Amino acid sequence: MTIELGVLAAHVPSICHRENVPDYQQDIVVKMDAISEKIEIIKPDAVILVSCHWQSTFHHYVDVSPTHKGTLTAFECPDIISDVKYEYPGAHCLGEKLVMAGKRAKIPVIAVNDPTYVWDYGTVVPLRYLVPNEDIPVVNLSITLAAGLDETFKWGQEIGNVLNGDDKRYVFIFSGALAHNLVRGRHHMPTVSEQALDMQFIEFLMKKKWGLAKDMLPQYAKVAGVEGGGRHLAMMLGVLADSFKPAFHTYAQSSGSGNAIMTFEIEKALQGSN
């Protein structure tokens, strides 16, 4: 079948444990819980997730492990995220198909199949809300620092071609923030200028002006310090196409970053539910 749902998700450390979520981030949790219910209805064969916190240097990595099991203590914030256990099934064959598609397109993609590899919190945190039962196979993707936005966009296109040419149902999660010039104090919003850039980018997405969003991304990423250099957004634009209906759900701060929750639902899925 195809990608049934795309999700732009937040992974701010303070939402890792539900009981510790501050008031100004509660709506993130509410909205991701609601998206989790939608994912339950879709019953996808696999979830593909790209995380801004899996930052590879030269190669694009695809975690093709048949099982993802580990205990996460985030090196960046061990006081907030520590001893977090997870265990998800993998989707080895799907991961290998993505790797082969990347190689055919002359993109430097490498498979990772290592039971000792521990996920980053950009992967674990959104999955704790979006796939809380740990019952859907996951393929995890890195962002790659040596790859520019154009290469990452092309990689997204290749991934989308594989998933949309398959006979299964998929959900794709893009885990990362918008503006990301961080400051001390989790309650701080991005600057007024950064928020304006975030809202303009969101408006382009909402109006399905994919080309304008892509044209905006390089300068926007530099000025607003978009997380991961905007690579998760470049991949999102490559993966998604005009057949997706965007929905904006919420926007909240975390240490000066802007965290949007959005969904992109395949039009035929919407028609079938009416």
Protein backbone atom coordinates (compact mmCIF):
# COMPACT_ATOMS: atom_id res chain seq x y z
CA MET A 1 0.00 0.00 0.00
CA THR A 2 1.76 3.17 1.10
CA ILE A 3 2.77 5.63 3.78
CA GLU A 4 -0.52 6.18 5.57
CA LEU A 5 0.63 8.88 7.97
CA GLY A 6 3.55 11.24 8.44
CA VAL A 7 4.20 12.80 11.85
CA LEU A 8 6.40 15.75 12.73
CA ALA A 9 7.07 14.90 16.39
CA ALA A 10 8.79 16.45 19.39
CA HIS A 11 11.36 14.72 21.58
CA VAL A 12 12.06 17.37 24.24
CA PRO A 13 13.74 15.64 27.22
CA SER A 14 11.22 16.94 29.76
CA ILE A 15 8.40 14.88 28.24
CA CYS A 16 10.25 11.57 28.50
CA HIS A 17 8.50 10.78 31.78
CA ARG A 18 4.84 11.71 31.68
CA GLU A 19 4.75 12.64 35.37
CA ASN A 20 7.47 15.28 34.83
CA VAL A 21 5.97 17.16 31.87
CA PRO A 22 5.74 20.91 32.62
CA ASP A 23 2.47 22.77 32.05
CA TYR A 24 3.66 24.54 28.90
CA GLN A 25 4.44 21.19 27.22
CA GLN A 26 1.30 19.34 28.27
CA ASP A 27 -0.38 19.98 24.92
CA ILE A 28 2.49 18.18 23.15
CA VAL A 29 1.66 15.09 25.19
CA VAL A 30 -2.08 15.42 24.59
CA LYS A 31 -1.63 15.73 20.84
CA MET A 32 0.86 12.87 20.58
CA ASP A 33 -1.48 10.66 22.60
CA ALA A 34 -4.22 11.46 20.08
CA ILE A 35 -1.92 10.61 17.18
CA SER A 36 -1.10 7.33 18.91
CA GLU A 37 -4.79 6.44 18.76
CA LYS A 38 -4.77 7.16 15.02
CA ILE A 39 -1.73 4.92 14.57
CA GLU A 40 -3.58 2.16 16.43
CA ILE A 41 -6.41 2.44 13.92
CA ILE A 42 -4.04 2.37 10.94
CA LYS A 43 -2.28 -0.74 12.28
CA PRO A 44 0.89 -0.11 10.27
CA ASP A 45 3.22 -2.91 9.33
CA ALA A 46 6.16 -0.74 10.39
CA VAL A 47 7.14 2.68 11.67
CA ILE A 48 10.07 4.49 10.08
CA LEU A 49 11.63 7.18 12.27
CA VAL A 50 14.38 9.67 11.50
CA SER A 51 15.94 11.26 14.58
CA CYS A 52 17.87 14.51 14.80
CA HIS A 53 19.80 12.97 17.69
CA TRP A 54 21.24 10.15 15.61
CA GLN A 55 23.80 12.36 13.92
CA SER A 56 26.13 10.38 11.71
CA THR A 57 29.17 12.04 10.19
CA PHE A 58 29.63 10.75 6.64
CA HIS A 59 27.13 7.96 5.93
CA HIS A 60 23.37 7.66 6.17
CA TYR A 61 22.64 4.79 8.55
CA VAL A 62 19.60 2.54 8.62
CA ASP A 63 19.06 0.41 11.73
CA VAL A 64 17.97 -2.92 10.24
CA SER A 65 18.22 -4.86 13.51
CA PRO A 66 15.48 -7.51 13.92
CA THR A 67 15.02 -6.41 17.54
CA HIS A 68 15.66 -3.06 19.21
CA LYS A 69 16.30 -3.53 22.92
CA GLY A 70 18.24 -1.40 25.31
CA THR A 71 18.43 0.95 28.25
CA LEU A 72 18.85 4.63 27.50
CA THR A 73 20.62 7.18 29.65
CA ALA A 74 20.97 10.33 27.58
CA PHE A 75 24.56 11.59 27.67
CA GLU A 76 23.26 15.11 27.04
CA CYS A 77 20.88 15.15 30.02
CA PRO A 78 21.33 12.11 32.29
CA ASP A 79 19.54 13.92 35.10
CA ILE A 80 16.33 13.98 33.02
CA ILE A 81 16.57 10.78 30.96
CA SER A 82 18.18 7.81 32.68
CA ASP A 83 17.60 4.06 32.88
CA VAL A 84 14.82 4.16 30.27
CA LYS A 85 14.22 0.64 29.00
CA TYR A 86 12.70 -0.10 25.60
CA GLU A 87 12.12 -3.14 23.40
CA TYR A 88 10.62 -2.90 19.92
CA PRO A 89 10.58 -5.38 17.05
CA GLY A 90 12.59 -4.40 14.00
CA ALA A 91 11.84 -4.69 10.29
CA HIS A 92 15.04 -6.17 8.90
CA CYS A 93 13.85 -6.84 5.35
CA LEU A 94 12.33 -3.39 4.97
CA GLY A 95 15.49 -1.76 6.31
CA GLU A 96 17.62 -3.67 3.80
CA LYS A 97 15.32 -2.57 0.98
CA LEU A 98 15.82 1.05 1.98
CA VAL A 99 19.59 0.57 2.08
CA MET A 100 19.63 -0.97 -1.39
CA ALA A 101 17.47 1.85 -2.76
CA GLY A 102 19.92 4.39 -1.38
CA LYS A 103 22.90 2.60 -2.88
CA ARG A 104 21.20 2.39 -6.29
CA ALA A 105 20.73 6.16 -6.13
CA LYS A 106 24.46 6.60 -5.38
CA ILE A 107 23.73 7.81 -1.84
CA PRO A 108 26.18 6.57 0.83
CA VAL A 109 23.82 4.44 2.91
CA ILE A 110 24.94 1.70 5.31
CA ALA A 111 22.92 -0.89 7.24
CA VAL A 112 23.42 -1.23 10.99
CA ASN A 113 22.58 -4.58 12.55
CA ASP A 114 24.08 -4.52 16.03
CA PRO A 115 22.25 -5.67 19.18
CA THR A 116 24.54 -3.52 21.33
CA TYR A 117 23.54 -0.27 19.63
CA VAL A 118 21.44 1.92 21.98
CA TRP A 119 18.86 4.30 20.58
CA ASP A 120 19.08 8.04 21.18
CA TYR A 121 16.37 9.98 22.99
CA GLY A 122 15.15 11.55 19.75
CA THR A 123 14.01 8.04 18.89
CA VAL A 124 12.92 6.73 22.27
CA VAL A 125 10.93 9.74 23.54
CA PRO A 126 8.40 10.10 20.69
CA LEU A 127 7.95 6.33 20.45
CA ARG A 128 7.02 6.22 24.15
CA TYR A 129 3.95 8.27 23.20
CA LEU A 130 3.24 7.30 19.60
CA VAL A 131 3.85 3.53 19.93
CA PRO A 132 3.50 3.01 23.70
CA ASN A 133 2.80 -0.72 23.50
CA GLU A 134 6.13 -1.37 21.75
CA ASP A 135 4.27 -3.65 19.34
CA ILE A 136 5.03 -2.17 15.91
CA PRO A 137 8.29 -2.90 14.07
CA VAL A 138 10.60 0.11 13.77
CA VAL A 139 13.27 1.12 11.27
CA ASN A 140 15.46 3.94 12.59
CA LEU A 141 17.32 6.43 10.37
CA SER A 142 20.15 8.86 11.05
CA ILE A 143 20.63 12.38 9.81
CA THR A 144 24.03 12.86 8.20
CA LEU A 145 26.18 15.91 8.80
CA ALA A 146 28.21 15.55 5.59
CA ALA A 147 24.98 15.44 3.59
CA GLY A 148 23.43 18.74 2.60
CA LEU A 149 19.72 19.41 2.44
CA ASP A 150 19.54 18.48 -1.25
CA GLU A 151 21.10 15.06 -0.68
CA THR A 152 18.87 14.47 2.33
CA PHE A 153 15.82 15.47 0.28
CA LYS A 154 16.85 13.02 -2.45
CA TRP A 155 17.33 10.28 0.16
CA GLY A 156 13.82 11.02 1.39
CA GLN A 157 12.49 10.66 -2.15
CA GLU A 158 14.16 7.28 -2.52
CA ILE A 159 12.73 6.12 0.81
CA GLY A 160 9.27 7.34 -0.19
CA ASN A 161 9.47 5.47 -3.49
CA VAL A 162 10.23 2.21 -1.68
CA LEU A 163 7.48 2.63 0.90
CA ASN A 164 4.84 3.81 -1.56
CA GLY A 165 5.65 0.97 -3.94
CA ASP A 166 5.13 -1.69 -1.28
CA ASP A 167 2.02 -3.68 -0.41
CA LYS A 168 2.16 -2.74 3.28
CA ARG A 169 1.08 0.18 5.48
CA TYR A 170 3.60 2.55 7.05
CA VAL A 171 3.84 5.48 9.44
CA PHE A 172 6.82 7.83 9.09
CA ILE A 173 7.92 9.89 12.12
CA PHE A 174 10.19 12.93 11.67
CA SER A 175 11.62 13.59 15.15
CA GLY A 176 13.00 17.07 15.64
CA ALA A 177 12.36 20.70 16.45
CA LEU A 178 12.00 23.76 14.25
CA ALA A 179 13.88 26.81 15.61
CA HIS A 180 16.65 25.49 17.84
CA ASN A 181 18.98 28.25 19.04
CA LEU A 182 19.03 26.89 22.57
CA VAL A 183 19.21 28.92 25.77
CA ARG A 184 19.18 27.96 29.45
CA GLY A 185 15.68 27.74 30.88
CA ARG A 186 13.24 25.25 29.43
CA HIS A 187 10.36 27.74 29.70
CA HIS A 188 11.88 30.14 27.16
CA MET A 189 10.21 30.51 23.76
CA PRO A 190 12.22 31.07 20.57
CA THR A 191 12.76 34.74 19.74
CA VAL A 192 9.98 36.65 18.00
CA SER A 193 11.89 36.45 14.71
CA GLU A 194 12.48 32.72 15.07
CA GLN A 195 8.81 32.12 15.85
CA ALA A 196 7.86 34.13 12.75
CA LEU A 197 10.08 31.92 10.61
CA ASP A 198 8.62 28.78 12.21
CA MET A 199 5.08 29.99 11.51
CA GLN A 200 5.91 30.86 7.90
CA PHE A 201 7.35 27.39 7.32
CA ILE A 202 4.30 25.80 8.94
CA GLU A 203 2.03 27.97 6.76
CA PHE A 204 3.75 26.75 3.61
CA LEU A 205 3.24 23.16 4.78
CA MET A 206 -0.39 23.76 5.68
CA LYS A 207 -1.08 25.28 2.25
CA LYS A 208 0.79 22.39 0.60
CA LYS A 209 3.30 24.77 -0.90
CA TRP A 210 6.00 22.12 -0.76
CA GLY A 211 8.27 23.90 -3.24
CA LEU A 212 8.25 27.14 -1.26
CA ALA A 213 8.94 25.22 1.96
CA LYS A 214 11.92 23.54 0.29
CA ASP A 215 13.20 26.86 -1.08
CA MET A 216 12.85 28.48 2.34
CA LEU A 217 14.57 25.71 4.28
CA PRO A 218 18.30 26.47 3.72
CA GLN A 219 18.22 30.09 4.93
CA TYR A 220 15.55 29.35 7.55
CA ALA A 221 17.69 26.54 8.97
CA LYS A 222 20.70 28.85 9.31
CA VAL A 223 18.92 31.85 10.81
CA ALA A 224 16.64 29.95 13.20
CA GLY A 225 19.19 27.23 13.97
CA VAL A 226 16.69 24.55 12.94
CA GLU A 227 17.51 21.29 14.68
CA GLY A 228 19.81 19.01 12.75
CA GLY A 229 20.33 21.76 10.20
CA GLY A 230 16.80 21.07 8.99
CA ARG A 231 17.73 17.64 7.65
CA HIS A 232 14.69 15.91 9.16
CA LEU A 233 12.53 18.52 7.40
CA ALA A 234 14.35 18.04 4.11
CA MET A 235 13.77 14.30 4.38
CA MET A 236 10.12 14.95 5.24
CA LEU A 237 9.67 17.08 2.13
CA GLY A 238 11.30 14.35 0.05
CA VAL A 239 9.21 11.56 1.50
CA LEU A 240 5.87 13.35 1.39
CA ALA A 241 4.03 14.41 -1.73
CA ASP A 242 0.91 16.27 -2.79
CA SER A 243 -1.36 13.37 -1.83
CA PHE A 244 -0.94 14.16 1.89
CA LYS A 245 -3.27 16.43 3.85
CA PRO A 246 -1.38 18.41 6.52
CA ALA A 247 -2.76 19.22 9.97
CA PHE A 248 -1.14 21.46 12.57
CA HIS A 249 -1.78 20.39 16.17
CA THR A 250 0.35 22.43 18.56
CA TYR A 251 3.57 24.37 19.11
CA ALA A 252 5.49 24.63 22.38
CA GLN A 253 8.83 25.82 23.69
CA SER A 254 11.76 24.03 25.23
CA SER A 255 14.89 26.05 26.11
CA GLY A 256 14.35 28.46 23.23
CA SER A 257 13.41 25.80 20.68
CA GLY A 258 10.12 25.67 18.79
CA ASN A 259 8.47 22.26 18.76
CA ALA A 260 5.61 21.70 16.35
CA ILE A 261 3.36 18.66 16.21
CA MET A 262 1.96 18.07 12.73
CA THR A 263 0.45 15.16 10.86
CA PHE A 264 0.30 14.42 7.15
CA GLU A 265 -2.46 11.98 6.34
CA ILE A 266 -2.77 10.26 3.00
CA GLU A 267 -5.81 11.59 1.15
CA LYS A 268 -7.17 8.17 0.21
CA ALA A 269 -7.11 7.16 3.89
CA LEU A 270 -9.20 10.22 4.70
CA GLN A 271 -11.66 9.42 1.93
CA GLY A 272 -11.99 5.84 3.11
CA SER A 273 -12.86 6.99 6.64
CA ASN A 274 -15.72 9.24 5.51
